[in-house]
PDB file of all heavy atoms in Angstrom:
ATOM      1  N   SER A   1      19.031  34.436  43.922  1.00  0.00           N
ATOM      2  CA  SER A   1      19.652  35.762  44.002  1.00  0.00           C
ATOM      3  C   SER A   1      18.763  36.698  44.816  1.00  0.00           C
ATOM      4  O   SER A   1      17.540  36.526  44.869  1.00  0.00           O
ATOM      5  CB  SER A   1      19.849  36.327  42.594  1.00  0.00           C
ATOM      6  OG  SER A   1      20.668  35.466  41.824  1.00  0.00           O
ATOM      7  N   PRO A   2      19.326  37.705  45.437  1.00  0.00           N
ATOM      8  CA  PRO A   2      18.503  38.622  46.237  1.00  0.00           C
ATOM      9  C   PRO A   2      17.613  39.474  45.347  1.00  0.00           C
ATOM     10  O   PRO A   2      17.928  39.731  44.180  1.00  0.00           O
ATOM     11  CB  PRO A   2      19.551  39.469  46.964  1.00  0.00           C
ATOM     12  CG  PRO A   2      20.758  39.416  46.088  1.00  0.00           C
ATOM     13  CD  PRO A   2      20.760  38.060  45.472  1.00  0.00           C
ATOM     14  N   PRO A   3      16.478  39.935  45.868  1.00  0.00           N
ATOM     15  CA  PRO A   3      15.598  40.809  45.080  1.00  0.00           C
ATOM     16  C   PRO A   3      16.151  42.232  45.024  1.00  0.00           C
ATOM     17  O   PRO A   3      17.235  42.521  45.556  1.00  0.00           O
ATOM     18  CB  PRO A   3      14.275  40.742  45.849  1.00  0.00           C
ATOM     19  CG  PRO A   3      14.701  40.516  47.267  1.00  0.00           C
ATOM     20  CD  PRO A   3      15.936  39.672  47.204  1.00  0.00           C
ATOM     21  N   GLU A   4      15.377  43.122  44.373  1.00  0.00           N
ATOM     22  CA  GLU A   4      15.754  44.532  44.319  1.00  0.00           C
ATOM     23  C   GLU A   4      14.523  45.394  44.576  1.00  0.00           C
ATOM     24  O   GLU A   4      13.387  44.974  44.327  1.00  0.00           O
ATOM     25  CB  GLU A   4      16.369  44.874  42.967  1.00  0.00           C
ATOM     26  CG  GLU A   4      15.460  44.651  41.781  1.00  0.00           C
ATOM     27  CD  GLU A   4      16.085  45.105  40.487  1.00  0.00           C
ATOM     28  OE1 GLU A   4      16.890  46.060  40.535  1.00  0.00           O
ATOM     29  OE2 GLU A   4      15.780  44.528  39.427  1.00  0.00           O
ATOM     30  N   CYS A   5      14.772  46.581  45.081  1.00  0.00           N
ATOM     31  CA  CYS A   5      13.703  47.533  45.360  1.00  0.00           C
ATOM     32  C   CYS A   5      13.721  48.616  44.282  1.00  0.00           C
ATOM     33  O   CYS A   5      14.736  49.297  44.096  1.00  0.00           O
ATOM     34  CB  CYS A   5      13.865  48.150  46.747  1.00  0.00           C
ATOM     35  SG  CYS A   5      13.636  46.965  48.099  1.00  0.00           S
ATOM     36  N   LYS A   6      12.620  48.781  43.575  1.00  0.00           N
ATOM     37  CA  LYS A   6      12.544  49.759  42.501  1.00  0.00           C
ATOM     38  C   LYS A   6      11.112  50.276  42.384  1.00  0.00           C
ATOM     39  O   LYS A   6      10.163  49.647  42.857  1.00  0.00           O
ATOM     40  CB  LYS A   6      13.000  49.157  41.187  1.00  0.00           C
ATOM     41  CG  LYS A   6      12.187  47.946  40.767  1.00  0.00           C
ATOM     42  CD  LYS A   6      12.743  47.268  39.515  1.00  0.00           C
ATOM     43  CE  LYS A   6      12.693  48.155  38.317  1.00  0.00           C
ATOM     44  NZ  LYS A   6      13.076  47.457  37.070  1.00  0.00           N
ATOM     45  N   VAL A   7      10.997  51.425  41.724  1.00  0.00           N
ATOM     46  CA  VAL A   7       9.673  52.014  41.498  1.00  0.00           C
ATOM     47  C   VAL A   7       9.095  51.382  40.232  1.00  0.00           C
ATOM     48  O   VAL A   7       9.690  51.437  39.155  1.00  0.00           O
ATOM     49  CB  VAL A   7       9.761  53.543  41.341  1.00  0.00           C
ATOM     50  CG1 VAL A   7       8.384  54.121  40.997  1.00  0.00           C
ATOM     51  CG2 VAL A   7      10.309  54.173  42.614  1.00  0.00           C
ATOM     52  N   VAL A   8       7.929  50.767  40.373  1.00  0.00           N
ATOM     53  CA  VAL A   8       7.230  50.152  39.246  1.00  0.00           C
ATOM     54  C   VAL A   8       5.862  50.810  39.135  1.00  0.00           C
ATOM     55  O   VAL A   8       5.078  50.793  40.092  1.00  0.00           O
ATOM     56  CB  VAL A   8       7.084  48.629  39.433  1.00  0.00           C
ATOM     57  CG1 VAL A   8       6.296  48.031  38.275  1.00  0.00           C
ATOM     58  CG2 VAL A   8       8.441  47.974  39.554  1.00  0.00           C
ATOM     59  N   ARG A   9       5.595  51.420  38.002  1.00  0.00           N
ATOM     60  CA  ARG A   9       4.311  52.086  37.786  1.00  0.00           C
ATOM     61  C   ARG A   9       3.854  51.825  36.356  1.00  0.00           C
ATOM     62  O   ARG A   9       4.482  52.262  35.395  1.00  0.00           O
ATOM     63  CB  ARG A   9       4.440  53.597  38.021  1.00  0.00           C
ATOM     64  CG  ARG A   9       3.117  54.328  37.975  1.00  0.00           C
ATOM     65  CD  ARG A   9       2.269  54.047  39.209  1.00  0.00           C
ATOM     66  NE  ARG A   9       2.901  54.546  40.412  1.00  0.00           N
ATOM     67  CZ  ARG A   9       2.984  53.862  41.547  1.00  0.00           C
ATOM     68  NH1 ARG A   9       2.489  52.636  41.601  1.00  0.00           N
ATOM     69  NH2 ARG A   9       3.549  54.365  42.617  1.00  0.00           N
ATOM     70  N   CYS A  10       2.773  51.066  36.202  1.00  0.00           N
ATOM     71  CA  CYS A  10       2.224  50.762  34.885  1.00  0.00           C
ATOM     72  C   CYS A  10       1.194  51.818  34.492  1.00  0.00           C
ATOM     73  O   CYS A  10       0.519  52.389  35.355  1.00  0.00           O
ATOM     74  CB  CYS A  10       1.570  49.370  34.884  1.00  0.00           C
ATOM     75  SG  CYS A  10       2.746  48.012  34.895  1.00  0.00           S
ATOM     76  N   PRO A  11       1.056  52.103  33.190  1.00  0.00           N
ATOM     77  CA  PRO A  11       0.075  53.093  32.748  1.00  0.00           C
ATOM     78  C   PRO A  11      -1.346  52.627  33.023  1.00  0.00           C
ATOM     79  O   PRO A  11      -1.607  51.441  33.215  1.00  0.00           O
ATOM     80  CB  PRO A  11       0.344  53.202  31.248  1.00  0.00           C
ATOM     81  CG  PRO A  11       0.988  51.912  30.882  1.00  0.00           C
ATOM     82  CD  PRO A  11       1.795  51.498  32.064  1.00  0.00           C
ATOM     83  N   PHE A  12      -2.269  53.585  33.039  1.00  0.00           N
ATOM     84  CA  PHE A  12      -3.665  53.252  33.311  1.00  0.00           C
ATOM     85  C   PHE A  12      -4.183  52.311  32.224  1.00  0.00           C
ATOM     86  O   PHE A  12      -4.072  52.593  31.034  1.00  0.00           O
ATOM     87  CB  PHE A  12      -4.516  54.524  33.355  1.00  0.00           C
ATOM     88  CG  PHE A  12      -5.932  54.269  33.810  1.00  0.00           C
ATOM     89  CD1 PHE A  12      -6.229  54.205  35.154  1.00  0.00           C
ATOM     90  CD2 PHE A  12      -6.944  54.065  32.886  1.00  0.00           C
ATOM     91  CE1 PHE A  12      -7.524  53.960  35.587  1.00  0.00           C
ATOM     92  CE2 PHE A  12      -8.239  53.823  33.299  1.00  0.00           C
ATOM     93  CZ  PHE A  12      -8.536  53.771  34.653  1.00  0.00           C
ATOM     94  N   PRO A  13      -4.757  51.179  32.619  1.00  0.00           N
ATOM     95  CA  PRO A  13      -5.204  50.203  31.623  1.00  0.00           C
ATOM     96  C   PRO A  13      -6.546  50.607  31.008  1.00  0.00           C
ATOM     97  O   PRO A  13      -7.578  50.560  31.667  1.00  0.00           O
ATOM     98  CB  PRO A  13      -5.330  48.910  32.436  1.00  0.00           C
ATOM     99  CG  PRO A  13      -5.632  49.371  33.814  1.00  0.00           C
ATOM    100  CD  PRO A  13      -4.933  50.694  34.002  1.00  0.00           C
ATOM    101  N   GLU A  14      -6.534  50.983  29.760  1.00  0.00           N
ATOM    102  CA  GLU A  14      -7.754  51.407  29.082  1.00  0.00           C
ATOM    103  C   GLU A  14      -7.886  50.635  27.775  1.00  0.00           C
ATOM    104  O   GLU A  14      -6.969  50.621  26.951  1.00  0.00           O
ATOM    105  CB  GLU A  14      -7.713  52.910  28.807  1.00  0.00           C
ATOM    106  CG  GLU A  14      -9.008  53.445  28.223  1.00  0.00           C
ATOM    107  CD  GLU A  14      -8.973  54.964  28.083  1.00  0.00           C
ATOM    108  OE1 GLU A  14      -7.927  55.570  28.425  1.00  0.00           O
ATOM    109  OE2 GLU A  14      -9.974  55.540  27.642  1.00  0.00           O
ATOM    110  N   VAL A  15      -9.021  49.985  27.605  1.00  0.00           N
ATOM    111  CA  VAL A  15      -9.298  49.196  26.406  1.00  0.00           C
ATOM    112  C   VAL A  15     -10.530  49.777  25.734  1.00  0.00           C
ATOM    113  O   VAL A  15     -11.602  49.844  26.338  1.00  0.00           O
ATOM    114  CB  VAL A  15      -9.519  47.705  26.758  1.00  0.00           C
ATOM    115  CG1 VAL A  15      -9.915  46.913  25.519  1.00  0.00           C
ATOM    116  CG2 VAL A  15      -8.264  47.109  27.382  1.00  0.00           C
ATOM    117  N   GLU A  16     -10.360  50.214  24.503  1.00  0.00           N
ATOM    118  CA  GLU A  16     -11.477  50.793  23.751  1.00  0.00           C
ATOM    119  C   GLU A  16     -12.538  49.720  23.479  1.00  0.00           C
ATOM    120  O   GLU A  16     -12.213  48.592  23.108  1.00  0.00           O
ATOM    121  CB  GLU A  16     -10.966  51.379  22.444  1.00  0.00           C
ATOM    122  CG  GLU A  16     -12.024  52.160  21.670  1.00  0.00           C
ATOM    123  CD  GLU A  16     -11.462  52.791  20.404  1.00  0.00           C
ATOM    124  OE1 GLU A  16     -10.249  52.619  20.166  1.00  0.00           O
ATOM    125  OE2 GLU A  16     -12.222  53.441  19.687  1.00  0.00           O
ATOM    126  N   ASN A  17     -13.797  50.089  23.691  1.00  0.00           N
ATOM    127  CA  ASN A  17     -14.950  49.197  23.529  1.00  0.00           C
ATOM    128  C   ASN A  17     -14.895  48.032  24.513  1.00  0.00           C
ATOM    129  O   ASN A  17     -15.457  46.963  24.260  1.00  0.00           O
ATOM    130  CB  ASN A  17     -15.034  48.655  22.097  1.00  0.00           C
ATOM    131  CG  ASN A  17     -15.212  49.749  21.066  1.00  0.00           C
ATOM    132  OD1 ASN A  17     -15.997  50.680  21.276  1.00  0.00           O
ATOM    133  ND2 ASN A  17     -14.474  49.669  19.962  1.00  0.00           N
ATOM    134  N   GLY A  18     -14.216  48.236  25.629  1.00  0.00           N
ATOM    135  CA  GLY A  18     -14.143  47.228  26.675  1.00  0.00           C
ATOM    136  C   GLY A  18     -14.350  47.869  28.033  1.00  0.00           C
ATOM    137  O   GLY A  18     -14.368  49.101  28.174  1.00  0.00           O
ATOM    138  N   LYS A  19     -14.505  47.027  29.043  1.00  0.00           N
ATOM    139  CA  LYS A  19     -14.684  47.535  30.396  1.00  0.00           C
ATOM    140  C   LYS A  19     -13.898  46.664  31.372  1.00  0.00           C
ATOM    141  O   LYS A  19     -13.618  45.491  31.111  1.00  0.00           O
ATOM    142  CB  LYS A  19     -16.161  47.565  30.776  1.00  0.00           C
ATOM    143  CG  LYS A  19     -16.872  46.240  30.706  1.00  0.00           C
ATOM    144  CD  LYS A  19     -18.352  46.404  31.039  1.00  0.00           C
ATOM    145  CE  LYS A  19     -19.095  45.070  30.939  1.00  0.00           C
ATOM    146  NZ  LYS A  19     -20.537  45.237  31.275  1.00  0.00           N
ATOM    147  N   GLN A  20     -13.560  47.261  32.495  1.00  0.00           N
ATOM    148  CA  GLN A  20     -12.741  46.610  33.512  1.00  0.00           C
ATOM    149  C   GLN A  20     -13.641  45.883  34.495  1.00  0.00           C
ATOM    150  O   GLN A  20     -14.639  46.434  34.975  1.00  0.00           O
ATOM    151  CB  GLN A  20     -11.890  47.664  34.224  1.00  0.00           C
ATOM    152  CG  GLN A  20     -10.800  47.109  35.111  1.00  0.00           C
ATOM    153  CD  GLN A  20      -9.895  48.221  35.640  1.00  0.00           C
ATOM    154  OE1 GLN A  20      -9.760  49.260  35.010  1.00  0.00           O
ATOM    155  NE2 GLN A  20      -9.302  47.988  36.798  1.00  0.00           N
ATOM    156  N   LEU A  21     -13.293  44.618  34.800  1.00  0.00           N
ATOM    157  CA  LEU A  21     -14.087  43.824  35.736  1.00  0.00           C
ATOM    158  C   LEU A  21     -13.510  43.812  37.145  1.00  0.00           C
ATOM    159  O   LEU A  21     -14.256  43.784  38.122  1.00  0.00           O
ATOM    160  CB  LEU A  21     -14.202  42.378  35.228  1.00  0.00           C
ATOM    161  CG  LEU A  21     -14.966  42.170  33.915  1.00  0.00           C
ATOM    162  CD1 LEU A  21     -14.994  40.689  33.566  1.00  0.00           C
ATOM    163  CD2 LEU A  21     -16.380  42.719  34.010  1.00  0.00           C
ATOM    164  N   SER A  22     -12.185  43.818  37.255  1.00  0.00           N
ATOM    165  CA  SER A  22     -11.539  43.790  38.571  1.00  0.00           C
ATOM    166  C   SER A  22     -10.191  44.475  38.485  1.00  0.00           C
ATOM    167  O   SER A  22      -9.685  44.747  37.398  1.00  0.00           O
ATOM    168  CB  SER A  22     -11.374  42.339  39.061  1.00  0.00           C
ATOM    169  OG  SER A  22     -10.505  41.628  38.209  1.00  0.00           O
ATOM    170  N   GLY A  23      -9.601  44.732  39.653  1.00  0.00           N
ATOM    171  CA  GLY A  23      -8.311  45.403  39.711  1.00  0.00           C
ATOM    172  C   GLY A  23      -8.420  46.916  39.592  1.00  0.00           C
ATOM    173  O   GLY A  23      -7.523  47.562  39.036  1.00  0.00           O
ATOM    174  N   PHE A  24      -9.512  47.484  40.101  1.00  0.00           N
ATOM    175  CA  PHE A  24      -9.699  48.926  39.996  1.00  0.00           C
ATOM    176  C   PHE A  24      -8.687  49.667  40.877  1.00  0.00           C
ATOM    177  O   PHE A  24      -8.292  49.187  41.940  1.00  0.00           O
ATOM    178  CB  PHE A  24     -11.121  49.305  40.413  1.00  0.00           C
ATOM    179  CG  PHE A  24     -12.181  48.660  39.556  1.00  0.00           C
ATOM    180  CD1 PHE A  24     -12.791  47.476  39.959  1.00  0.00           C
ATOM    181  CD2 PHE A  24     -12.551  49.225  38.346  1.00  0.00           C
ATOM    182  CE1 PHE A  24     -13.767  46.873  39.181  1.00  0.00           C
ATOM    183  CE2 PHE A  24     -13.534  48.625  37.556  1.00  0.00           C
ATOM    184  CZ  PHE A  24     -14.129  47.454  37.973  1.00  0.00           C
ATOM    185  N   GLY A  25      -8.292  50.822  40.440  1.00  0.00           N
ATOM    186  CA  GLY A  25      -7.375  51.648  41.216  1.00  0.00           C
ATOM    187  C   GLY A  25      -6.923  52.859  40.420  1.00  0.00           C
ATOM    188  O   GLY A  25      -7.132  52.951  39.206  1.00  0.00           O
ATOM    189  N   LYS A  26      -6.292  53.771  41.118  1.00  0.00           N
ATOM    190  CA  LYS A  26      -5.754  54.958  40.471  1.00  0.00           C
ATOM    191  C   LYS A  26      -4.298  54.758  40.053  1.00  0.00           C
ATOM    192  O   LYS A  26      -3.839  55.339  39.081  1.00  0.00           O
ATOM    193  CB  LYS A  26      -5.862  56.163  41.418  1.00  0.00           C
ATOM    194  CG  LYS A  26      -7.298  56.557  41.756  1.00  0.00           C
ATOM    195  CD  LYS A  26      -7.327  57.761  42.667  1.00  0.00           C
ATOM    196  CE  LYS A  26      -8.763  58.174  42.999  1.00  0.00           C
ATOM    197  NZ  LYS A  26      -8.791  59.351  43.903  1.00  0.00           N
ATOM    198  N   LYS A  27      -3.574  53.938  40.852  1.00  0.00           N
ATOM    199  CA  LYS A  27      -2.184  53.633  40.536  1.00  0.00           C
ATOM    200  C   LYS A  27      -2.021  52.120  40.453  1.00  0.00           C
ATOM    201  O   LYS A  27      -2.659  51.368  41.190  1.00  0.00           O
ATOM    202  CB  LYS A  27      -1.242  54.201  41.611  1.00  0.00           C
ATOM    203  CG  LYS A  27      -1.253  55.719  41.693  1.00  0.00           C
ATOM    204  CD  LYS A  27      -0.283  56.207  42.763  1.00  0.00           C
ATOM    205  CE  LYS A  27      -0.270  57.729  42.851  1.00  0.00           C
ATOM    206  NZ  LYS A  27       0.678  58.204  43.879  1.00  0.00           N
ATOM    207  N   PHE A  28      -1.139  51.706  39.563  1.00  0.00           N
ATOM    208  CA  PHE A  28      -0.933  50.278  39.347  1.00  0.00           C
ATOM    209  C   PHE A  28       0.552  49.979  39.486  1.00  0.00           C
ATOM    210  O   PHE A  28       1.362  50.371  38.647  1.00  0.00           O
ATOM    211  CB  PHE A  28      -1.445  49.867  37.962  1.00  0.00           C
ATOM    212  CG  PHE A  28      -2.916  50.106  37.778  1.00  0.00           C
ATOM    213  CD1 PHE A  28      -3.377  51.327  37.313  1.00  0.00           C
ATOM    214  CD2 PHE A  28      -3.838  49.130  38.111  1.00  0.00           C
ATOM    215  CE1 PHE A  28      -4.736  51.555  37.157  1.00  0.00           C
ATOM    216  CE2 PHE A  28      -5.193  49.343  37.948  1.00  0.00           C
ATOM    217  CZ  PHE A  28      -5.648  50.570  37.475  1.00  0.00           C
ATOM    218  N   SER A  29       0.899  49.311  40.597  1.00  0.00           N
ATOM    219  CA  SER A  29       2.290  49.003  40.885  1.00  0.00           C
ATOM    220  C   SER A  29       2.590  47.552  40.507  1.00  0.00           C
ATOM    221  O   SER A  29       1.800  46.889  39.841  1.00  0.00           O
ATOM    222  CB  SER A  29       2.587  49.254  42.364  1.00  0.00           C
ATOM    223  OG  SER A  29       1.714  48.486  43.185  1.00  0.00           O
ATOM    224  N   TYR A  30       3.724  47.046  40.983  1.00  0.00           N
ATOM    225  CA  TYR A  30       4.222  45.723  40.617  1.00  0.00           C
ATOM    226  C   TYR A  30       3.220  44.630  40.995  1.00  0.00           C
ATOM    227  O   TYR A  30       2.665  44.619  42.094  1.00  0.00           O
ATOM    228  CB  TYR A  30       5.557  45.487  41.318  1.00  0.00           C
ATOM    229  CG  TYR A  30       6.220  44.177  41.011  1.00  0.00           C
ATOM    230  CD1 TYR A  30       6.510  43.811  39.709  1.00  0.00           C
ATOM    231  CD2 TYR A  30       6.583  43.299  42.036  1.00  0.00           C
ATOM    232  CE1 TYR A  30       7.140  42.609  39.420  1.00  0.00           C
ATOM    233  CE2 TYR A  30       7.218  42.103  41.763  1.00  0.00           C
ATOM    234  CZ  TYR A  30       7.489  41.763  40.450  1.00  0.00           C
ATOM    235  OH  TYR A  30       8.107  40.573  40.180  1.00  0.00           O
ATOM    236  N   LYS A  31       2.966  43.732  40.044  1.00  0.00           N
ATOM    237  CA  LYS A  31       2.077  42.584  40.179  1.00  0.00           C
ATOM    238  C   LYS A  31       0.604  42.954  40.304  1.00  0.00           C
ATOM    239  O   LYS A  31      -0.226  42.095  40.675  1.00  0.00           O
ATOM    240  CB  LYS A  31       2.489  41.697  41.362  1.00  0.00           C
ATOM    241  CG  LYS A  31       3.796  40.946  41.129  1.00  0.00           C
ATOM    242  CD  LYS A  31       4.066  39.949  42.237  1.00  0.00           C
ATOM    243  CE  LYS A  31       5.344  39.153  41.952  1.00  0.00           C
ATOM    244  NZ  LYS A  31       5.635  38.153  42.997  1.00  0.00           N
ATOM    245  N   ALA A  32       0.237  44.202  40.005  1.00  0.00           N
ATOM    246  CA  ALA A  32      -1.181  44.567  39.971  1.00  0.00           C
ATOM    247  C   ALA A  32      -1.856  43.813  38.825  1.00  0.00           C
ATOM    248  O   ALA A  32      -1.323  43.733  37.719  1.00  0.00           O
ATOM    249  CB  ALA A  32      -1.333  46.074  39.792  1.00  0.00           C
ATOM    250  N   THR A  33      -3.031  43.266  39.086  1.00  0.00           N
ATOM    251  CA  THR A  33      -3.730  42.429  38.111  1.00  0.00           C
ATOM    252  C   THR A  33      -5.069  43.053  37.751  1.00  0.00           C
ATOM    253  O   THR A  33      -5.823  43.479  38.641  1.00  0.00           O
ATOM    254  CB  THR A  33      -3.947  41.016  38.670  1.00  0.00           C
ATOM    255  OG1 THR A  33      -2.685  40.461  39.049  1.00  0.00           O
ATOM    256  CG2 THR A  33      -4.594  40.109  37.630  1.00  0.00           C
TER     257      THR A  33
END
């Protein structure tokens, strides 16, 4: 089937007592890891 174009925006990933190793950014769109 054909794909679709849409706005995808995930909330800022924050884990208490944890830290981020990769995937830094201000905005997180589709397939951001």
